[in-house]
Amino acid sequence: MARDRAMTAGAVAPRPAALLPLLVSAHIGPSLAVTAVVALLSVAADLSPGIAVIVTAAVFTGQLTIGWGNDLLDASRDRAVGRSDKPLANGSLDPSLVRRCLVVAAVACVVLSFAAGWRSGLTHLFLGVAFGHLYNLWFKRTHLSWLPYAVAFGCLPAVVSLAGSPPVGPPAWMVFTASALGVAAHFLNTLPDFDDDAATGIQGLPHRIGATASRVVATVLLVAASAVAVLGPSGAPSGLAWGALVLVAALAVVALVGRGKAPFYAAIAIALVDVVLLTVVAA
């Protein structure tokens, strides 16, 4: 009887029913977005298919650990502000299941990272994954909240290029573009949660400068990333690259002077253009 009660208490939902909450708790949207960028970078870097799959899988499992770690740490804060969209906060997901999944993903991440080569593995684990967890643990509450995004996103081109044969470092323009894209994502990502964060004491740099200034900073960073992605590589930019830069300029105007939700969506559109520039046009 005691064993049956323990099993009942430990299983909030059957495993198939827990799959969707698990994915939501892993922040699956952003996790897949980062993974897709790495997959495209791997193709652009002409990695062998096997190594490209390994690098992409390593980044995906690392992102899962960061997402689950974030929700585990924020569960009480999310409950306090009534976040019904958070499975750990609304009771639809067992924390022990999330912890077990996090451990499995972490082991897989370590194994896959080093399978891509020790240089790529150390870069991914100590600059990408570690800084993602440091953000969850401490940086998100400080004026340096942008720093983990700059480091973690900025290292992605190196994670890919160092997995090549021979391993090489990425060009500086690519690191800058990825880093600026990451910091801009941080500023944009905080905008929908400003009130909830303020209510629970989260005071990252975006919260300290306000929503309007955060949108402006994100837009400036995205435009800078676009310009560097177009002008940074050797050789004359292609017509497609120039066209993308013109589109970015038009979207930046909307992001800076538009009303309602238009500025936010315009900034997101610039970020998508930057991803294309980083992984397809410029590479």
C-alpha atoms as a PDB file:
ATOM      1  CA  MET A   1       0.000   0.000   0.000  1.00  0.00           C
ATOM      2  CA  ALA A   2       2.761   2.459   0.895  1.00  0.00           C
ATOM      3  CA  ARG A   3       4.506   1.677  -2.394  1.00  0.00           C
ATOM      4  CA  ASP A   4       1.280   2.279  -4.336  1.00  0.00           C
ATOM      5  CA  ARG A   5       0.758   5.618  -2.624  1.00  0.00           C
ATOM      6  CA  ALA A   6       4.340   6.685  -3.416  1.00  0.00           C
ATOM      7  CA  MET A   7       3.901   5.746  -7.053  1.00  0.00           C
ATOM      8  CA  THR A   8       0.654   7.719  -7.232  1.00  0.00           C
ATOM      9  CA  ALA A   9       2.193  10.795  -5.642  1.00  0.00           C
ATOM     10  CA  GLY A  10       5.257  10.615  -7.877  1.00  0.00           C
ATOM     11  CA  ALA A  11       3.371  10.388 -11.150  1.00  0.00           C
ATOM     12  CA  VAL A  12       1.366  13.533 -11.799  1.00  0.00           C
ATOM     13  CA  ALA A  13       0.543  12.290 -15.278  1.00  0.00           C
ATOM     14  CA  PRO A  14       1.157   9.109 -17.288  1.00  0.00           C
ATOM     15  CA  ARG A  15       4.332   9.289 -19.347  1.00  0.00           C
ATOM     16  CA  PRO A  16       2.592   9.931 -22.705  1.00  0.00           C
ATOM     17  CA  ALA A  17       0.511  12.683 -21.121  1.00  0.00           C
ATOM     18  CA  ALA A  18       3.624  14.195 -19.573  1.00  0.00           C
ATOM     19  CA  LEU A  19       5.408  14.575 -22.903  1.00  0.00           C
ATOM     20  CA  LEU A  20       3.802  17.875 -23.913  1.00  0.00           C
ATOM     21  CA  PRO A  21       4.297  19.491 -20.482  1.00  0.00           C
ATOM     22  CA  LEU A  22       7.905  18.299 -20.560  1.00  0.00           C
ATOM     23  CA  LEU A  23       8.464  19.994 -23.912  1.00  0.00           C
ATOM     24  CA  VAL A  24       6.800  23.185 -22.698  1.00  0.00           C
ATOM     25  CA  SER A  25       8.944  23.171 -19.567  1.00  0.00           C
ATOM     26  CA  ALA A  26      12.058  22.753 -21.719  1.00  0.00           C
ATOM     27  CA  HIS A  27      11.209  26.027 -23.530  1.00  0.00           C
ATOM     28  CA  ILE A  28      11.031  23.944 -26.669  1.00  0.00           C
ATOM     29  CA  GLY A  29      10.503  26.885 -29.043  1.00  0.00           C
ATOM     30  CA  PRO A  30      13.731  28.740 -28.204  1.00  0.00           C
ATOM     31  CA  SER A  31      15.555  25.413 -27.828  1.00  0.00           C
ATOM     32  CA  LEU A  32      14.614  24.376 -31.355  1.00  0.00           C
ATOM     33  CA  ALA A  33      15.452  27.842 -32.703  1.00  0.00           C
ATOM     34  CA  VAL A  34      19.010  27.696 -31.325  1.00  0.00           C
ATOM     35  CA  THR A  35      19.369  24.117 -32.532  1.00  0.00           C
ATOM     36  CA  ALA A  36      18.204  25.088 -36.024  1.00  0.00           C
ATOM     37  CA  VAL A  37      20.808  27.869 -36.174  1.00  0.00           C
ATOM     38  CA  VAL A  38      23.545  25.380 -35.276  1.00  0.00           C
ATOM     39  CA  ALA A  39      22.277  22.903 -37.860  1.00  0.00           C
ATOM     40  CA  LEU A  40      22.408  25.591 -40.547  1.00  0.00           C
ATOM     41  CA  LEU A  41      25.871  26.689 -39.422  1.00  0.00           C
ATOM     42  CA  SER A  42      27.011  23.074 -39.635  1.00  0.00           C
ATOM     43  CA  VAL A  43      25.789  22.810 -43.221  1.00  0.00           C
ATOM     44  CA  ALA A  44      27.384  26.153 -44.121  1.00  0.00           C
ATOM     45  CA  ALA A  45      30.681  24.998 -42.563  1.00  0.00           C
ATOM     46  CA  ASP A  46      30.553  21.850 -44.700  1.00  0.00           C
ATOM     47  CA  LEU A  47      30.846  19.496 -41.739  1.00  0.00           C
ATOM     48  CA  SER A  48      30.503  15.810 -42.506  1.00  0.00           C
ATOM     49  CA  PRO A  49      26.905  14.616 -42.070  1.00  0.00           C
ATOM     50  CA  GLY A  50      27.795  12.522 -39.032  1.00  0.00           C
ATOM     51  CA  ILE A  51      29.607  15.323 -37.212  1.00  0.00           C
ATOM     52  CA  ALA A  52      26.873  17.805 -38.146  1.00  0.00           C
ATOM     53  CA  VAL A  53      24.251  15.555 -36.549  1.00  0.00           C
ATOM     54  CA  ILE A  54      26.392  15.077 -33.432  1.00  0.00           C
ATOM     55  CA  VAL A  55      27.013  18.820 -32.986  1.00  0.00           C
ATOM     56  CA  THR A  56      23.344  19.628 -33.530  1.00  0.00           C
ATOM     57  CA  ALA A  57      22.222  16.947 -31.081  1.00  0.00           C
ATOM     58  CA  ALA A  58      24.757  18.140 -28.492  1.00  0.00           C
ATOM     59  CA  VAL A  59      23.396  21.678 -28.681  1.00  0.00           C
ATOM     60  CA  PHE A  60      19.792  20.454 -28.513  1.00  0.00           C
ATOM     61  CA  THR A  61      20.385  18.374 -25.380  1.00  0.00           C
ATOM     62  CA  GLY A  62      22.262  21.280 -23.805  1.00  0.00           C
ATOM     63  CA  GLN A  63      19.328  23.580 -24.513  1.00  0.00           C
ATOM     64  CA  LEU A  64      16.974  21.066 -22.896  1.00  0.00           C
ATOM     65  CA  THR A  65      18.998  21.160 -19.674  1.00  0.00           C
ATOM     66  CA  ILE A  66      18.926  24.965 -19.624  1.00  0.00           C
ATOM     67  CA  GLY A  67      15.172  25.108 -20.214  1.00  0.00           C
ATOM     68  CA  TRP A  68      14.342  22.500 -17.578  1.00  0.00           C
ATOM     69  CA  GLY A  69      16.786  24.071 -15.142  1.00  0.00           C
ATOM     70  CA  ASN A  70      15.109  27.441 -15.626  1.00  0.00           C
ATOM     71  CA  ASP A  71      11.620  26.134 -14.881  1.00  0.00           C
ATOM     72  CA  LEU A  72      12.767  24.106 -11.872  1.00  0.00           C
ATOM     73  CA  LEU A  73      14.414  27.171 -10.341  1.00  0.00           C
ATOM     74  CA  ASP A  74      11.483  29.454 -11.168  1.00  0.00           C
ATOM     75  CA  ALA A  75       8.633  27.135 -10.164  1.00  0.00           C
ATOM     76  CA  SER A  76       7.780  28.928  -6.912  1.00  0.00           C
ATOM     77  CA  ARG A  77       8.114  32.334  -8.559  1.00  0.00           C
ATOM     78  CA  ASP A  78       5.863  31.242 -11.423  1.00  0.00           C
ATOM     79  CA  ARG A  79       3.251  29.969  -8.952  1.00  0.00           C
ATOM     80  CA  ALA A  80       3.375  33.268  -7.079  1.00  0.00           C
ATOM     81  CA  VAL A  81       2.369  35.218 -10.193  1.00  0.00           C
ATOM     82  CA  GLY A  82      -0.155  32.654 -11.399  1.00  0.00           C
ATOM     83  CA  ARG A  83       1.687  31.405 -14.475  1.00  0.00           C
ATOM     84  CA  SER A  84      -0.864  28.819 -15.607  1.00  0.00           C
ATOM     85  CA  ASP A  85       1.174  28.246 -18.791  1.00  0.00           C
ATOM     86  CA  LYS A  86       4.045  26.784 -16.770  1.00  0.00           C
ATOM     87  CA  PRO A  87       3.595  23.024 -16.174  1.00  0.00           C
ATOM     88  CA  LEU A  88       5.674  22.962 -12.984  1.00  0.00           C
ATOM     89  CA  ALA A  89       3.758  25.927 -11.601  1.00  0.00           C
ATOM     90  CA  ASN A  90       0.271  24.656 -12.426  1.00  0.00           C
ATOM     91  CA  GLY A  91       0.916  21.148 -11.108  1.00  0.00           C
ATOM     92  CA  SER A  92       0.610  19.275 -14.387  1.00  0.00           C
ATOM     93  CA  LEU A  93       4.223  18.077 -14.278  1.00  0.00           C
ATOM     94  CA  ASP A  94       6.128  16.227 -11.576  1.00  0.00           C
ATOM     95  CA  PRO A  95       9.372  18.048 -10.622  1.00  0.00           C
ATOM     96  CA  SER A  96      11.133  14.721 -10.021  1.00  0.00           C
ATOM     97  CA  LEU A  97      10.416  13.688 -13.615  1.00  0.00           C
ATOM     98  CA  VAL A  98      11.903  16.953 -14.877  1.00  0.00           C
ATOM     99  CA  ARG A  99      14.996  16.460 -12.737  1.00  0.00           C
ATOM    100  CA  ARG A 100      15.478  12.941 -14.086  1.00  0.00           C
ATOM    101  CA  CYS A 101      15.085  14.153 -17.665  1.00  0.00           C
ATOM    102  CA  LEU A 102      17.547  16.967 -17.005  1.00  0.00           C
ATOM    103  CA  VAL A 103      20.173  14.492 -15.758  1.00  0.00           C
ATOM    104  CA  VAL A 104      19.696  12.235 -18.799  1.00  0.00           C
ATOM    105  CA  ALA A 105      19.940  15.222 -21.156  1.00  0.00           C
ATOM    106  CA  ALA A 106      23.056  16.483 -19.349  1.00  0.00           C
ATOM    107  CA  VAL A 107      24.832  13.132 -19.698  1.00  0.00           C
ATOM    108  CA  ALA A 108      23.874  12.962 -23.375  1.00  0.00           C
ATOM    109  CA  CYS A 109      25.072  16.545 -23.870  1.00  0.00           C
ATOM    110  CA  VAL A 110      28.508  15.785 -22.408  1.00  0.00           C
ATOM    111  CA  VAL A 111      28.941  12.612 -24.442  1.00  0.00           C
ATOM    112  CA  LEU A 112      27.770  14.205 -27.693  1.00  0.00           C
ATOM    113  CA  SER A 113      29.813  17.374 -27.147  1.00  0.00           C
ATOM    114  CA  PHE A 114      33.077  15.458 -26.810  1.00  0.00           C
ATOM    115  CA  ALA A 115      32.099  13.124 -29.665  1.00  0.00           C
ATOM    116  CA  ALA A 116      32.355  16.224 -31.866  1.00  0.00           C
ATOM    117  CA  GLY A 117      35.953  16.767 -30.724  1.00  0.00           C
ATOM    118  CA  TRP A 118      37.449  17.988 -27.474  1.00  0.00           C
ATOM    119  CA  ARG A 119      37.845  21.580 -28.682  1.00  0.00           C
ATOM    120  CA  SER A 120      34.236  21.868 -29.757  1.00  0.00           C
ATOM    121  CA  GLY A 121      33.097  19.964 -26.673  1.00  0.00           C
ATOM    122  CA  LEU A 122      34.886  22.171 -24.155  1.00  0.00           C
ATOM    123  CA  THR A 123      33.673  25.316 -25.942  1.00  0.00           C
ATOM    124  CA  HIS A 124      30.083  24.133 -25.931  1.00  0.00           C
ATOM    125  CA  LEU A 125      30.029  22.897 -22.338  1.00  0.00           C
ATOM    126  CA  PHE A 126      31.952  25.727 -20.664  1.00  0.00           C
ATOM    127  CA  LEU A 127      30.817  28.703 -22.753  1.00  0.00           C
ATOM    128  CA  GLY A 128      27.452  27.608 -24.087  1.00  0.00           C
ATOM    129  CA  VAL A 129      25.757  25.330 -21.563  1.00  0.00           C
ATOM    130  CA  ALA A 130      27.512  26.580 -18.427  1.00  0.00           C
ATOM    131  CA  PHE A 131      26.668  30.231 -19.112  1.00  0.00           C
ATOM    132  CA  GLY A 132      23.062  29.281 -19.836  1.00  0.00           C
ATOM    133  CA  HIS A 133      22.790  27.756 -16.371  1.00  0.00           C
ATOM    134  CA  LEU A 134      24.678  30.653 -14.791  1.00  0.00           C
ATOM    135  CA  TYR A 135      22.038  32.955 -16.233  1.00  0.00           C
ATOM    136  CA  ASN A 136      19.314  30.892 -14.563  1.00  0.00           C
ATOM    137  CA  LEU A 137      21.169  30.746 -11.254  1.00  0.00           C
ATOM    138  CA  TRP A 138      22.351  34.328 -10.859  1.00  0.00           C
ATOM    139  CA  PHE A 139      22.879  36.612 -13.850  1.00  0.00           C
ATOM    140  CA  LYS A 140      19.172  37.074 -14.648  1.00  0.00           C
ATOM    141  CA  ARG A 141      18.798  39.088 -11.437  1.00  0.00           C
ATOM    142  CA  THR A 142      21.687  41.467 -12.145  1.00  0.00           C
ATOM    143  CA  HIS A 143      22.644  44.267 -14.501  1.00  0.00           C
ATOM    144  CA  LEU A 144      24.899  41.708 -16.239  1.00  0.00           C
ATOM    145  CA  SER A 145      21.935  39.621 -17.365  1.00  0.00           C
ATOM    146  CA  TRP A 146      22.970  40.157 -20.989  1.00  0.00           C
ATOM    147  CA  LEU A 147      26.436  38.643 -20.532  1.00  0.00           C
ATOM    148  CA  PRO A 148      25.509  34.930 -20.616  1.00  0.00           C
ATOM    149  CA  TYR A 149      23.579  35.515 -23.841  1.00  0.00           C
ATOM    150  CA  ALA A 150      26.569  37.269 -25.398  1.00  0.00           C
ATOM    151  CA  VAL A 151      28.919  34.436 -24.426  1.00  0.00           C
ATOM    152  CA  ALA A 152      26.605  31.490 -25.132  1.00  0.00           C
ATOM    153  CA  PHE A 153      25.386  32.718 -28.519  1.00  0.00           C
ATOM    154  CA  GLY A 154      28.793  34.052 -29.471  1.00  0.00           C
ATOM    155  CA  CYS A 155      30.393  30.642 -28.953  1.00  0.00           C
ATOM    156  CA  LEU A 156      28.032  28.787 -31.313  1.00  0.00           C
ATOM    157  CA  PRO A 157      30.071  29.467 -34.483  1.00  0.00           C
ATOM    158  CA  ALA A 158      33.145  28.148 -32.654  1.00  0.00           C
ATOM    159  CA  VAL A 159      31.284  25.031 -31.485  1.00  0.00           C
ATOM    160  CA  VAL A 160      30.632  24.281 -35.160  1.00  0.00           C
ATOM    161  CA  SER A 161      33.946  25.313 -36.717  1.00  0.00           C
ATOM    162  CA  LEU A 162      36.030  23.559 -34.050  1.00  0.00           C
ATOM    163  CA  ALA A 163      34.220  20.320 -34.880  1.00  0.00           C
ATOM    164  CA  GLY A 164      35.505  20.493 -38.456  1.00  0.00           C
ATOM    165  CA  SER A 165      38.466  18.709 -39.938  1.00  0.00           C
ATOM    166  CA  PRO A 166      40.775  20.429 -39.388  1.00  0.00           C
ATOM    167  CA  PRO A 167      39.305  22.370 -36.439  1.00  0.00           C
ATOM    168  CA  VAL A 168      39.509  26.120 -36.983  1.00  0.00           C
ATOM    169  CA  GLY A 169      38.299  29.168 -35.128  1.00  0.00           C
ATOM    170  CA  PRO A 170      35.392  31.156 -36.579  1.00  0.00           C
ATOM    171  CA  PRO A 171      35.896  34.611 -38.110  1.00  0.00           C
ATOM    172  CA  ALA A 172      35.427  37.537 -35.735  1.00  0.00           C
ATOM    173  CA  TRP A 173      32.495  38.963 -37.689  1.00  0.00           C
ATOM    174  CA  MET A 174      30.570  35.714 -37.215  1.00  0.00           C
ATOM    175  CA  VAL A 175      31.195  35.683 -33.457  1.00  0.00           C
ATOM    176  CA  PHE A 176      30.060  39.305 -33.172  1.00  0.00           C
ATOM    177  CA  THR A 177      26.927  38.671 -35.212  1.00  0.00           C
ATOM    178  CA  ALA A 178      25.949  35.638 -33.131  1.00  0.00           C
ATOM    179  CA  SER A 179      26.713  37.436 -29.865  1.00  0.00           C
ATOM    180  CA  ALA A 180      24.724  40.546 -30.808  1.00  0.00           C
ATOM    181  CA  LEU A 181      21.836  38.362 -31.924  1.00  0.00           C
ATOM    182  CA  GLY A 182      21.870  36.609 -28.550  1.00  0.00           C
ATOM    183  CA  VAL A 183      21.896  39.813 -26.501  1.00  0.00           C
ATOM    184  CA  ALA A 184      19.096  41.257 -28.624  1.00  0.00           C
ATOM    185  CA  ALA A 185      17.102  38.061 -28.033  1.00  0.00           C
ATOM    186  CA  HIS A 186      17.556  38.572 -24.297  1.00  0.00           C
ATOM    187  CA  PHE A 187      16.111  42.081 -24.404  1.00  0.00           C
ATOM    188  CA  LEU A 188      13.192  41.007 -26.599  1.00  0.00           C
ATOM    189  CA  ASN A 189      12.487  37.867 -24.575  1.00  0.00           C
ATOM    190  CA  THR A 190      11.986  39.824 -21.361  1.00  0.00           C
ATOM    191  CA  LEU A 191       9.360  42.196 -22.774  1.00  0.00           C
ATOM    192  CA  PRO A 192       6.297  39.917 -22.393  1.00  0.00           C
ATOM    193  CA  ASP A 193       7.210  39.092 -18.760  1.00  0.00           C
ATOM    194  CA  PHE A 194       8.113  42.544 -17.445  1.00  0.00           C
ATOM    195  CA  ASP A 195       5.268  42.756 -14.911  1.00  0.00           C
ATOM    196  CA  ASP A 196       5.656  39.203 -13.603  1.00  0.00           C
ATOM    197  CA  ASP A 197       9.412  39.625 -13.271  1.00  0.00           C
ATOM    198  CA  ALA A 198       9.029  42.913 -11.413  1.00  0.00           C
ATOM    199  CA  ALA A 199       6.555  41.312  -9.002  1.00  0.00           C
ATOM    200  CA  THR A 200       9.056  38.613  -8.053  1.00  0.00           C
ATOM    201  CA  GLY A 201      12.226  40.670  -7.821  1.00  0.00           C
ATOM    202  CA  ILE A 202      13.884  39.909 -11.152  1.00  0.00           C
ATOM    203  CA  GLN A 203      15.964  42.947 -12.054  1.00  0.00           C
ATOM    204  CA  GLY A 204      18.059  42.173 -15.108  1.00  0.00           C
ATOM    205  CA  LEU A 205      19.383  44.965 -17.302  1.00  0.00           C
ATOM    206  CA  PRO A 206      16.210  45.134 -19.469  1.00  0.00           C
ATOM    207  CA  HIS A 207      14.077  45.650 -16.339  1.00  0.00           C
ATOM    208  CA  ARG A 208      16.412  48.360 -15.097  1.00  0.00           C
ATOM    209  CA  ILE A 209      16.265  50.422 -18.293  1.00  0.00           C
ATOM    210  CA  GLY A 210      12.587  49.796 -19.085  1.00  0.00           C
ATOM    211  CA  ALA A 211      10.586  48.254 -21.906  1.00  0.00           C
ATOM    212  CA  THR A 212      10.956  51.084 -24.409  1.00  0.00           C
ATOM    213  CA  ALA A 213      14.728  51.376 -23.990  1.00  0.00           C
ATOM    214  CA  SER A 214      15.040  47.587 -24.153  1.00  0.00           C
ATOM    215  CA  ARG A 215      13.269  47.509 -27.499  1.00  0.00           C
ATOM    216  CA  VAL A 216      15.547  50.257 -28.812  1.00  0.00           C
ATOM    217  CA  VAL A 217      18.691  48.466 -27.599  1.00  0.00           C
ATOM    218  CA  ALA A 218      17.514  45.204 -29.168  1.00  0.00           C
ATOM    219  CA  THR A 219      16.807  46.923 -32.473  1.00  0.00           C
ATOM    220  CA  VAL A 220      20.196  48.660 -32.563  1.00  0.00           C
ATOM    221  CA  LEU A 221      21.958  45.378 -31.820  1.00  0.00           C
ATOM    222  CA  LEU A 222      20.035  43.558 -34.528  1.00  0.00           C
ATOM    223  CA  VAL A 223      20.804  46.224 -37.108  1.00  0.00           C
ATOM    224  CA  ALA A 224      24.483  46.133 -36.114  1.00  0.00           C
ATOM    225  CA  ALA A 225      24.485  42.349 -36.406  1.00  0.00           C
ATOM    226  CA  SER A 226      22.951  42.632 -39.870  1.00  0.00           C
ATOM    227  CA  ALA A 227      25.507  45.165 -41.045  1.00  0.00           C
ATOM    228  CA  VAL A 228      28.447  43.118 -39.750  1.00  0.00           C
ATOM    229  CA  ALA A 229      27.051  39.920 -41.310  1.00  0.00           C
ATOM    230  CA  VAL A 230      26.829  41.653 -44.697  1.00  0.00           C
ATOM    231  CA  LEU A 231      30.054  43.672 -44.602  1.00  0.00           C
ATOM    232  CA  GLY A 232      32.232  41.395 -42.454  1.00  0.00           C
ATOM    233  CA  PRO A 233      32.992  38.497 -44.830  1.00  0.00           C
ATOM    234  CA  SER A 234      35.736  38.951 -47.397  1.00  0.00           C
ATOM    235  CA  GLY A 235      34.641  39.873 -50.893  1.00  0.00           C
ATOM    236  CA  ALA A 236      31.854  42.070 -52.140  1.00  0.00           C
ATOM    237  CA  PRO A 237      28.402  41.421 -50.600  1.00  0.00           C
ATOM    238  CA  SER A 238      25.909  39.720 -52.886  1.00  0.00           C
ATOM    239  CA  GLY A 239      22.777  41.420 -54.131  1.00  0.00           C
ATOM    240  CA  LEU A 240      20.756  39.210 -51.797  1.00  0.00           C
ATOM    241  CA  ALA A 241      22.821  40.399 -48.841  1.00  0.00           C
ATOM    242  CA  TRP A 242      22.307  44.043 -49.764  1.00  0.00           C
ATOM    243  CA  GLY A 243      18.598  43.398 -50.179  1.00  0.00           C
ATOM    244  CA  ALA A 244      18.448  41.834 -46.725  1.00  0.00           C
ATOM    245  CA  LEU A 245      20.171  44.900 -45.280  1.00  0.00           C
ATOM    246  CA  VAL A 246      17.618  47.207 -46.905  1.00  0.00           C
ATOM    247  CA  LEU A 247      14.824  45.077 -45.455  1.00  0.00           C
ATOM    248  CA  VAL A 248      16.431  45.276 -42.037  1.00  0.00           C
ATOM    249  CA  ALA A 249      16.590  49.080 -42.270  1.00  0.00           C
ATOM    250  CA  ALA A 250      12.876  49.256 -43.101  1.00  0.00           C
ATOM    251  CA  LEU A 251      11.978  46.895 -40.264  1.00  0.00           C
ATOM    252  CA  ALA A 252      14.153  48.912 -37.879  1.00  0.00           C
ATOM    253  CA  VAL A 253      12.085  52.016 -38.590  1.00  0.00           C
ATOM    254  CA  VAL A 254       8.947  50.094 -37.665  1.00  0.00           C
ATOM    255  CA  ALA A 255      10.623  48.702 -34.547  1.00  0.00           C
ATOM    256  CA  LEU A 256      11.635  52.166 -33.373  1.00  0.00           C
ATOM    257  CA  VAL A 257       8.565  54.292 -34.212  1.00  0.00           C
ATOM    258  CA  GLY A 258       5.723  51.799 -34.693  1.00  0.00           C
ATOM    259  CA  ARG A 259       2.773  51.457 -32.321  1.00  0.00           C
ATOM    260  CA  GLY A 260       1.155  48.565 -30.536  1.00  0.00           C
ATOM    261  CA  LYS A 261       2.783  45.179 -31.107  1.00  0.00           C
ATOM    262  CA  ALA A 262       4.257  46.165 -34.475  1.00  0.00           C
ATOM    263  CA  PRO A 263       7.676  47.158 -33.027  1.00  0.00           C
ATOM    264  CA  PHE A 264       8.043  43.807 -31.267  1.00  0.00           C
ATOM    265  CA  TYR A 265       7.135  41.812 -34.381  1.00  0.00           C
ATOM    266  CA  ALA A 266       9.420  43.977 -36.521  1.00  0.00           C
ATOM    267  CA  ALA A 267      12.336  43.280 -34.182  1.00  0.00           C
ATOM    268  CA  ILE A 268      11.588  39.558 -34.331  1.00  0.00           C
ATOM    269  CA  ALA A 269      11.568  39.789 -38.138  1.00  0.00           C
ATOM    270  CA  ILE A 270      15.004  41.448 -38.080  1.00  0.00           C
ATOM    271  CA  ALA A 271      16.273  38.614 -35.885  1.00  0.00           C
ATOM    272  CA  LEU A 272      15.057  36.090 -38.461  1.00  0.00           C
ATOM    273  CA  VAL A 273      16.811  37.997 -41.236  1.00  0.00           C
ATOM    274  CA  ASP A 274      19.980  37.989 -39.142  1.00  0.00           C
ATOM    275  CA  VAL A 275      19.783  34.219 -38.768  1.00  0.00           C
ATOM    276  CA  VAL A 276      19.577  33.896 -42.544  1.00  0.00           C
ATOM    277  CA  LEU A 277      22.528  36.252 -42.996  1.00  0.00           C
ATOM    278  CA  LEU A 278      24.576  34.402 -40.393  1.00  0.00           C
ATOM    279  CA  THR A 279      23.901  30.886 -41.599  1.00  0.00           C
ATOM    280  CA  VAL A 280      23.211  31.166 -45.321  1.00  0.00           C
ATOM    281  CA  VAL A 281      24.110  34.414 -47.100  1.00  0.00           C
ATOM    282  CA  ALA A 282      27.267  35.429 -45.228  1.00  0.00           C
ATOM    283  CA  ALA A 283      28.542  31.906 -44.662  1.00  0.00           C
END
